[in-house]
Amino acid sequence: MNYGMQLNFKKVIGIDLNRTALQKAECNCIKMKQSGSKTQFHVEYADAVYFNIPADVNLVYLFNPFGKKTMEEFAHNLISHIQRLGHDIYIVYCIPSFKEVFEAYPGSTKIFESLNNEGSHVYMSIFRMRKYATIL
């Protein structure tokens, strides 16, 4: 959230099921506001699988947050949102343990990937997720 605030995003939203992490995120965002950030922020205790993604979201940042089953359920929520609203969303996925979940989506394009310092593991993948046409 702080990085988005440093980049002058219009708004950042943090969701988590860990109340301590949310309190820390909120404190960090308040400090950013006190330092002059104009970015709006909101933190919410919520499950990403069921979170009602706001219509104006265009970037989602994930830092290896879930197991595979939960990632698949989250991706389904996100894809449903994209299909419903029809606008692109970018996924910045650090330590992408289950990047194949996004790679399998027909509207997904991997636009960036970096390796860790040793060059042995993917550190970050960035995907552009688009609405895709379904054949009836």
N, C-alpha and C. Protein backbone atom coordinates (compact mmCIF):
# COMPACT_ATOMS: atom_id res chain seq x y z
N MET A 1 0.83 -1.18 0.00
CA MET A 1 0.00 0.00 0.00
C MET A 1 0.87 1.25 0.00
N ASN A 2 1.94 1.21 0.80
CA ASN A 2 2.82 2.38 0.86
C ASN A 2 3.49 2.66 -0.47
N TYR A 3 3.86 1.61 -1.19
CA TYR A 3 4.49 1.82 -2.49
C TYR A 3 3.51 2.50 -3.44
N GLY A 4 2.26 2.06 -3.44
CA GLY A 4 1.25 2.72 -4.26
C GLY A 4 1.06 4.17 -3.86
N MET A 5 1.17 4.44 -2.56
CA MET A 5 1.05 5.82 -2.09
C MET A 5 2.25 6.64 -2.54
N GLN A 6 3.45 6.03 -2.52
CA GLN A 6 4.65 6.73 -2.99
C GLN A 6 4.55 7.05 -4.48
N LEU A 7 3.88 6.19 -5.23
CA LEU A 7 3.72 6.41 -6.67
C LEU A 7 2.51 7.28 -7.00
N ASN A 8 1.87 7.82 -5.96
CA ASN A 8 0.73 8.72 -6.13
C ASN A 8 -0.48 8.06 -6.79
N PHE A 9 -0.71 6.78 -6.46
CA PHE A 9 -1.94 6.15 -6.92
C PHE A 9 -3.11 6.95 -6.38
N LYS A 10 -4.23 6.90 -7.07
CA LYS A 10 -5.42 7.61 -6.63
C LYS A 10 -5.94 7.03 -5.31
N LYS A 11 -5.93 5.69 -5.23
CA LYS A 11 -6.45 5.02 -4.04
C LYS A 11 -5.77 3.66 -3.90
N VAL A 12 -5.52 3.24 -2.66
CA VAL A 12 -5.02 1.90 -2.38
C VAL A 12 -5.95 1.24 -1.35
N ILE A 13 -6.11 -0.06 -1.51
CA ILE A 13 -6.97 -0.84 -0.61
C ILE A 13 -6.18 -2.04 -0.15
N GLY A 14 -6.20 -2.30 1.13
CA GLY A 14 -5.56 -3.49 1.68
C GLY A 14 -6.61 -4.36 2.34
N ILE A 15 -6.60 -5.64 1.99
CA ILE A 15 -7.50 -6.59 2.65
C ILE A 15 -6.68 -7.72 3.23
N ASP A 16 -7.13 -8.23 4.35
CA ASP A 16 -6.41 -9.32 5.00
C ASP A 16 -7.32 -9.92 6.06
N LEU A 17 -7.00 -11.14 6.45
CA LEU A 17 -7.69 -11.80 7.56
C LEU A 17 -6.87 -11.72 8.84
N ASN A 18 -5.76 -11.01 8.77
CA ASN A 18 -4.89 -10.82 9.92
C ASN A 18 -5.07 -9.39 10.42
N ARG A 19 -5.77 -9.26 11.55
CA ARG A 19 -6.09 -7.92 12.07
C ARG A 19 -4.82 -7.14 12.45
N THR A 20 -3.80 -7.84 12.95
CA THR A 20 -2.55 -7.16 13.31
C THR A 20 -1.90 -6.57 12.07
N ALA A 21 -1.89 -7.32 10.98
CA ALA A 21 -1.31 -6.82 9.73
C ALA A 21 -2.10 -5.61 9.22
N LEU A 22 -3.41 -5.65 9.37
CA LEU A 22 -4.24 -4.52 8.93
C LEU A 22 -3.97 -3.27 9.76
N GLN A 23 -3.80 -3.45 11.07
CA GLN A 23 -3.50 -2.31 11.94
C GLN A 23 -2.17 -1.69 11.56
N LYS A 24 -1.19 -2.54 11.28
CA LYS A 24 0.13 -2.03 10.89
C LYS A 24 0.05 -1.31 9.55
N ALA A 25 -0.70 -1.88 8.61
CA ALA A 25 -0.87 -1.24 7.30
C ALA A 25 -1.54 0.13 7.46
N GLU A 26 -2.55 0.18 8.30
CA GLU A 26 -3.25 1.45 8.51
C GLU A 26 -2.31 2.49 9.13
N CYS A 27 -1.53 2.08 10.12
CA CYS A 27 -0.56 3.01 10.74
C CYS A 27 0.45 3.51 9.71
N ASN A 28 0.93 2.61 8.86
CA ASN A 28 1.88 3.01 7.82
C ASN A 28 1.25 4.00 6.84
N CYS A 29 0.00 3.77 6.49
CA CYS A 29 -0.69 4.68 5.56
C CYS A 29 -0.93 6.04 6.20
N ILE A 30 -1.25 6.05 7.47
CA ILE A 30 -1.43 7.32 8.19
C ILE A 30 -0.12 8.11 8.18
N LYS A 31 0.99 7.42 8.39
CA LYS A 31 2.30 8.09 8.33
C LYS A 31 2.56 8.67 6.94
N MET A 32 2.17 7.93 5.92
CA MET A 32 2.35 8.42 4.55
C MET A 32 1.51 9.67 4.33
N LYS A 33 0.29 9.69 4.84
CA LYS A 33 -0.57 10.87 4.72
C LYS A 33 0.05 12.06 5.46
N GLN A 34 0.60 11.81 6.64
CA GLN A 34 1.24 12.86 7.42
C GLN A 34 2.48 13.41 6.72
N SER A 35 3.07 12.58 5.86
CA SER A 35 4.25 13.00 5.09
C SER A 35 3.86 13.67 3.78
N GLY A 36 2.56 13.83 3.56
CA GLY A 36 2.12 14.57 2.38
C GLY A 36 1.45 13.79 1.28
N SER A 37 1.30 12.48 1.43
CA SER A 37 0.65 11.69 0.39
C SER A 37 -0.81 12.12 0.22
N LYS A 38 -1.24 12.22 -1.01
CA LYS A 38 -2.63 12.57 -1.34
C LYS A 38 -3.47 11.32 -1.64
N THR A 39 -2.82 10.17 -1.66
CA THR A 39 -3.51 8.92 -2.00
C THR A 39 -4.52 8.55 -0.92
N GLN A 40 -5.73 8.22 -1.36
CA GLN A 40 -6.75 7.70 -0.45
C GLN A 40 -6.37 6.26 -0.08
N PHE A 41 -6.69 5.85 1.13
CA PHE A 41 -6.43 4.46 1.49
C PHE A 41 -7.60 3.89 2.29
N HIS A 42 -7.70 2.58 2.23
CA HIS A 42 -8.74 1.87 2.97
C HIS A 42 -8.19 0.49 3.31
N VAL A 43 -8.32 0.08 4.55
CA VAL A 43 -7.97 -1.28 4.95
C VAL A 43 -9.24 -1.97 5.42
N GLU A 44 -9.35 -3.25 5.11
CA GLU A 44 -10.57 -3.98 5.43
C GLU A 44 -10.26 -5.42 5.81
N TYR A 45 -10.88 -5.85 6.88
CA TYR A 45 -10.81 -7.24 7.29
C TYR A 45 -11.74 -8.01 6.36
N ALA A 46 -11.17 -8.79 5.47
CA ALA A 46 -11.98 -9.49 4.47
C ALA A 46 -11.22 -10.68 3.91
N ASP A 47 -11.98 -11.62 3.41
CA ASP A 47 -11.45 -12.80 2.73
C ASP A 47 -11.40 -12.49 1.24
N ALA A 48 -10.23 -12.55 0.64
CA ALA A 48 -10.05 -12.20 -0.77
C ALA A 48 -10.90 -13.07 -1.71
N VAL A 49 -11.20 -14.27 -1.27
CA VAL A 49 -12.01 -15.17 -2.10
C VAL A 49 -13.41 -14.60 -2.31
N TYR A 50 -13.94 -13.94 -1.30
CA TYR A 50 -15.31 -13.43 -1.36
C TYR A 50 -15.38 -11.90 -1.43
N PHE A 51 -14.25 -11.25 -1.45
CA PHE A 51 -14.20 -9.79 -1.45
C PHE A 51 -14.88 -9.23 -2.69
N ASN A 52 -15.75 -8.26 -2.48
CA ASN A 52 -16.41 -7.58 -3.59
C ASN A 52 -15.44 -6.53 -4.13
N ILE A 53 -14.76 -6.86 -5.19
CA ILE A 53 -13.72 -6.01 -5.75
C ILE A 53 -14.35 -4.72 -6.29
N PRO A 54 -13.89 -3.57 -5.83
CA PRO A 54 -14.45 -2.31 -6.33
C PRO A 54 -14.25 -2.16 -7.84
N ALA A 55 -15.20 -1.48 -8.47
CA ALA A 55 -15.19 -1.33 -9.93
C ALA A 55 -13.97 -0.58 -10.44
N ASP A 56 -13.37 0.29 -9.62
CA ASP A 56 -12.25 1.09 -10.10
C ASP A 56 -10.88 0.45 -9.87
N VAL A 57 -10.84 -0.77 -9.38
CA VAL A 57 -9.56 -1.46 -9.18
C VAL A 57 -8.96 -1.81 -10.53
N ASN A 58 -7.67 -1.46 -10.71
CA ASN A 58 -6.99 -1.81 -11.96
C ASN A 58 -5.65 -2.50 -11.73
N LEU A 59 -5.25 -2.66 -10.47
CA LEU A 59 -4.00 -3.36 -10.15
C LEU A 59 -4.18 -4.10 -8.83
N VAL A 60 -3.76 -5.35 -8.83
CA VAL A 60 -3.80 -6.17 -7.61
C VAL A 60 -2.38 -6.63 -7.33
N TYR A 61 -1.91 -6.40 -6.11
CA TYR A 61 -0.58 -6.82 -5.69
C TYR A 61 -0.72 -8.00 -4.74
N LEU A 62 -0.02 -9.09 -5.05
CA LEU A 62 -0.04 -10.30 -4.23
C LEU A 62 1.39 -10.66 -3.85
N PHE A 63 1.62 -10.95 -2.59
CA PHE A 63 2.93 -11.42 -2.16
C PHE A 63 2.74 -12.84 -1.62
N ASN A 64 2.65 -13.81 -2.54
CA ASN A 64 2.49 -15.22 -2.21
C ASN A 64 1.54 -15.41 -1.02
N PRO A 65 0.30 -14.95 -1.16
CA PRO A 65 -0.56 -14.89 0.01
C PRO A 65 -1.32 -16.16 0.37
N PHE A 66 -1.48 -17.07 -0.58
CA PHE A 66 -2.40 -18.19 -0.34
C PHE A 66 -1.79 -19.53 -0.76
N GLY A 67 -2.45 -20.59 -0.31
CA GLY A 67 -2.20 -21.92 -0.85
C GLY A 67 -2.87 -22.02 -2.22
N LYS A 68 -2.65 -23.11 -2.90
CA LYS A 68 -3.15 -23.24 -4.28
C LYS A 68 -4.67 -23.19 -4.36
N LYS A 69 -5.37 -23.89 -3.50
CA LYS A 69 -6.84 -23.91 -3.56
C LYS A 69 -7.41 -22.51 -3.36
N THR A 70 -6.89 -21.79 -2.38
CA THR A 70 -7.37 -20.43 -2.12
C THR A 70 -7.01 -19.51 -3.29
N MET A 71 -5.82 -19.68 -3.87
CA MET A 71 -5.43 -18.86 -5.03
C MET A 71 -6.39 -19.12 -6.19
N GLU A 72 -6.75 -20.36 -6.41
CA GLU A 72 -7.69 -20.67 -7.49
C GLU A 72 -9.05 -20.01 -7.22
N GLU A 73 -9.50 -20.04 -5.98
CA GLU A 73 -10.78 -19.43 -5.62
C GLU A 73 -10.71 -17.90 -5.77
N PHE A 74 -9.59 -17.32 -5.33
CA PHE A 74 -9.40 -15.88 -5.49
C PHE A 74 -9.39 -15.51 -6.97
N ALA A 75 -8.66 -16.27 -7.78
CA ALA A 75 -8.58 -16.00 -9.22
C ALA A 75 -9.97 -16.08 -9.85
N HIS A 76 -10.78 -17.02 -9.41
CA HIS A 76 -12.15 -17.14 -9.93
C HIS A 76 -12.94 -15.86 -9.60
N ASN A 77 -12.81 -15.38 -8.38
CA ASN A 77 -13.46 -14.12 -7.99
C ASN A 77 -12.99 -12.96 -8.88
N LEU A 78 -11.69 -12.88 -9.07
CA LEU A 78 -11.11 -11.81 -9.88
C LEU A 78 -11.57 -11.91 -11.34
N ILE A 79 -11.54 -13.10 -11.89
CA ILE A 79 -11.93 -13.30 -13.29
C ILE A 79 -13.41 -13.00 -13.48
N SER A 80 -14.23 -13.38 -12.52
CA SER A 80 -15.66 -13.04 -12.59
C SER A 80 -15.84 -11.53 -12.61
N HIS A 81 -15.07 -10.84 -11.80
CA HIS A 81 -15.11 -9.38 -11.76
C HIS A 81 -14.72 -8.79 -13.12
N ILE A 82 -13.64 -9.29 -13.69
CA ILE A 82 -13.17 -8.80 -15.00
C ILE A 82 -14.22 -9.06 -16.07
N GLN A 83 -14.78 -10.25 -16.08
CA GLN A 83 -15.80 -10.60 -17.08
C GLN A 83 -17.03 -9.70 -16.94
N ARG A 84 -17.41 -9.42 -15.71
CA ARG A 84 -18.60 -8.61 -15.44
C ARG A 84 -18.38 -7.15 -15.86
N LEU A 85 -17.23 -6.57 -15.49
CA LEU A 85 -17.00 -5.15 -15.75
C LEU A 85 -16.30 -4.87 -17.07
N GLY A 86 -15.53 -5.83 -17.55
CA GLY A 86 -14.93 -5.71 -18.87
C GLY A 86 -13.69 -4.85 -18.98
N HIS A 87 -13.07 -4.46 -17.86
CA HIS A 87 -11.83 -3.68 -17.99
C HIS A 87 -10.64 -4.49 -17.49
N ASP A 88 -9.46 -4.14 -18.00
CA ASP A 88 -8.24 -4.87 -17.66
C ASP A 88 -7.86 -4.65 -16.21
N ILE A 89 -7.24 -5.68 -15.65
CA ILE A 89 -6.62 -5.59 -14.33
C ILE A 89 -5.23 -6.18 -14.44
N TYR A 90 -4.27 -5.51 -13.82
CA TYR A 90 -2.90 -5.99 -13.78
C TYR A 90 -2.68 -6.69 -12.44
N ILE A 91 -2.00 -7.83 -12.49
CA ILE A 91 -1.67 -8.60 -11.30
C ILE A 91 -0.16 -8.55 -11.14
N VAL A 92 0.31 -8.01 -10.03
CA VAL A 92 1.73 -8.04 -9.68
C VAL A 92 1.84 -9.11 -8.60
N TYR A 93 2.47 -10.21 -8.94
CA TYR A 93 2.49 -11.40 -8.09
C TYR A 93 3.94 -11.72 -7.71
N CYS A 94 4.29 -11.41 -6.47
CA CYS A 94 5.64 -11.68 -5.97
C CYS A 94 5.69 -13.06 -5.34
N ILE A 95 6.81 -13.73 -5.52
CA ILE A 95 7.01 -15.12 -5.10
C ILE A 95 5.81 -15.93 -5.62
N PRO A 96 5.64 -15.99 -6.94
CA PRO A 96 4.44 -16.55 -7.55
C PRO A 96 4.40 -18.09 -7.54
N SER A 97 4.13 -18.63 -6.39
CA SER A 97 4.11 -20.09 -6.24
C SER A 97 3.08 -20.78 -7.11
N PHE A 98 2.00 -20.06 -7.43
CA PHE A 98 0.91 -20.66 -8.20
C PHE A 98 0.57 -19.80 -9.41
N LYS A 99 1.60 -19.32 -10.10
CA LYS A 99 1.38 -18.44 -11.25
C LYS A 99 0.63 -19.15 -12.36
N GLU A 100 0.66 -20.48 -12.37
CA GLU A 100 -0.06 -21.23 -13.40
C GLU A 100 -1.56 -20.98 -13.34
N VAL A 101 -2.05 -20.59 -12.18
CA VAL A 101 -3.47 -20.26 -12.04
C VAL A 101 -3.82 -19.09 -12.96
N PHE A 102 -2.95 -18.09 -13.03
CA PHE A 102 -3.19 -16.94 -13.89
C PHE A 102 -2.80 -17.24 -15.34
N GLU A 103 -1.77 -18.04 -15.53
CA GLU A 103 -1.34 -18.40 -16.88
C GLU A 103 -2.43 -19.18 -17.63
N ALA A 104 -3.24 -19.93 -16.90
CA ALA A 104 -4.28 -20.76 -17.51
C ALA A 104 -5.50 -19.97 -17.97
N TYR A 105 -5.67 -18.78 -17.46
CA TYR A 105 -6.84 -17.96 -17.82
C TYR A 105 -6.69 -17.47 -19.26
N PRO A 106 -7.70 -17.72 -20.12
CA PRO A 106 -7.57 -17.34 -21.54
C PRO A 106 -7.34 -15.85 -21.79
N GLY A 107 -7.76 -14.99 -20.87
CA GLY A 107 -7.58 -13.56 -21.06
C GLY A 107 -6.31 -13.02 -20.45
N SER A 108 -5.40 -13.90 -20.05
CA SER A 108 -4.19 -13.50 -19.34
C SER A 108 -2.98 -13.43 -20.27
N THR A 109 -2.20 -12.37 -20.10
CA THR A 109 -0.93 -12.24 -20.80
C THR A 109 0.13 -11.91 -19.75
N LYS A 110 1.18 -12.72 -19.70
CA LYS A 110 2.30 -12.40 -18.81
C LYS A 110 3.11 -11.32 -19.50
N ILE A 111 3.25 -10.17 -18.86
CA ILE A 111 3.95 -9.05 -19.49
C ILE A 111 5.33 -8.80 -18.89
N PHE A 112 5.62 -9.46 -17.77
CA PHE A 112 6.93 -9.28 -17.14
C PHE A 112 7.18 -10.45 -16.20
N GLU A 113 8.45 -10.82 -16.11
CA GLU A 113 8.85 -11.82 -15.12
C GLU A 113 10.31 -11.57 -14.75
N SER A 114 10.59 -11.65 -13.45
CA SER A 114 11.97 -11.49 -13.00
C SER A 114 12.35 -12.66 -12.11
N LEU A 115 13.66 -12.92 -12.06
CA LEU A 115 14.18 -13.99 -11.22
C LEU A 115 14.79 -13.42 -9.96
N ASN A 116 14.93 -14.27 -8.96
CA ASN A 116 15.59 -13.84 -7.72
C ASN A 116 17.07 -13.58 -8.01
N ASN A 117 17.81 -13.10 -7.02
CA ASN A 117 19.22 -12.74 -7.22
C ASN A 117 20.08 -13.90 -7.68
N GLU A 118 19.74 -15.10 -7.25
CA GLU A 118 20.52 -16.27 -7.67
C GLU A 118 20.12 -16.76 -9.05
N GLY A 119 19.00 -16.25 -9.57
CA GLY A 119 18.53 -16.67 -10.89
C GLY A 119 17.87 -18.03 -10.89
N SER A 120 17.54 -18.53 -9.70
CA SER A 120 17.02 -19.89 -9.61
C SER A 120 15.49 -19.98 -9.50
N HIS A 121 14.84 -18.89 -9.09
CA HIS A 121 13.38 -18.92 -8.91
C HIS A 121 12.78 -17.62 -9.42
N VAL A 122 11.55 -17.71 -9.87
CA VAL A 122 10.84 -16.50 -10.29
C VAL A 122 10.53 -15.69 -9.04
N TYR A 123 10.91 -14.42 -9.07
CA TYR A 123 10.63 -13.52 -7.96
C TYR A 123 9.31 -12.78 -8.16
N MET A 124 9.06 -12.35 -9.40
CA MET A 124 7.84 -11.59 -9.68
C MET A 124 7.34 -11.89 -11.08
N SER A 125 6.02 -12.03 -11.18
CA SER A 125 5.35 -12.12 -12.47
C SER A 125 4.29 -11.04 -12.51
N ILE A 126 4.15 -10.40 -13.66
CA ILE A 126 3.09 -9.42 -13.84
C ILE A 126 2.23 -9.87 -15.01
N PHE A 127 0.93 -9.92 -14.75
CA PHE A 127 -0.04 -10.35 -15.75
C PHE A 127 -1.01 -9.23 -16.08
N ARG A 128 -1.39 -9.18 -17.34
CA ARG A 128 -2.49 -8.32 -17.77
C ARG A 128 -3.68 -9.24 -17.97
N MET A 129 -4.73 -9.00 -17.22
CA MET A 129 -5.93 -9.84 -17.27
C MET A 129 -7.02 -9.06 -18.00
N ARG A 130 -7.55 -9.68 -19.06
CA ARG A 130 -8.57 -9.03 -19.88
C ARG A 130 -9.82 -9.89 -19.94
N LYS A 131 -10.90 -9.23 -20.24
CA LYS A 131 -12.15 -9.96 -20.50
C LYS A 131 -11.93 -10.78 -21.77
N TYR A 132 -12.44 -11.96 -21.78
CA TYR A 132 -12.35 -12.77 -23.00
C TYR A 132 -13.74 -13.16 -23.43
N ALA A 133 -13.88 -13.38 -24.74
CA ALA A 133 -15.17 -13.77 -25.30
C ALA A 133 -15.40 -15.24 -25.03
N THR A 134 -16.57 -15.56 -24.59
CA THR A 134 -16.93 -16.97 -24.38
C THR A 134 -17.76 -17.45 -25.56
N ILE A 135 -17.59 -18.69 -25.92
CA ILE A 135 -18.35 -19.28 -27.01
C ILE A 135 -19.52 -20.02 -26.39
N LEU A 136 -20.71 -19.67 -26.82
CA LEU A 136 -21.92 -20.31 -26.27
C LEU A 136 -22.34 -21.48 -27.11
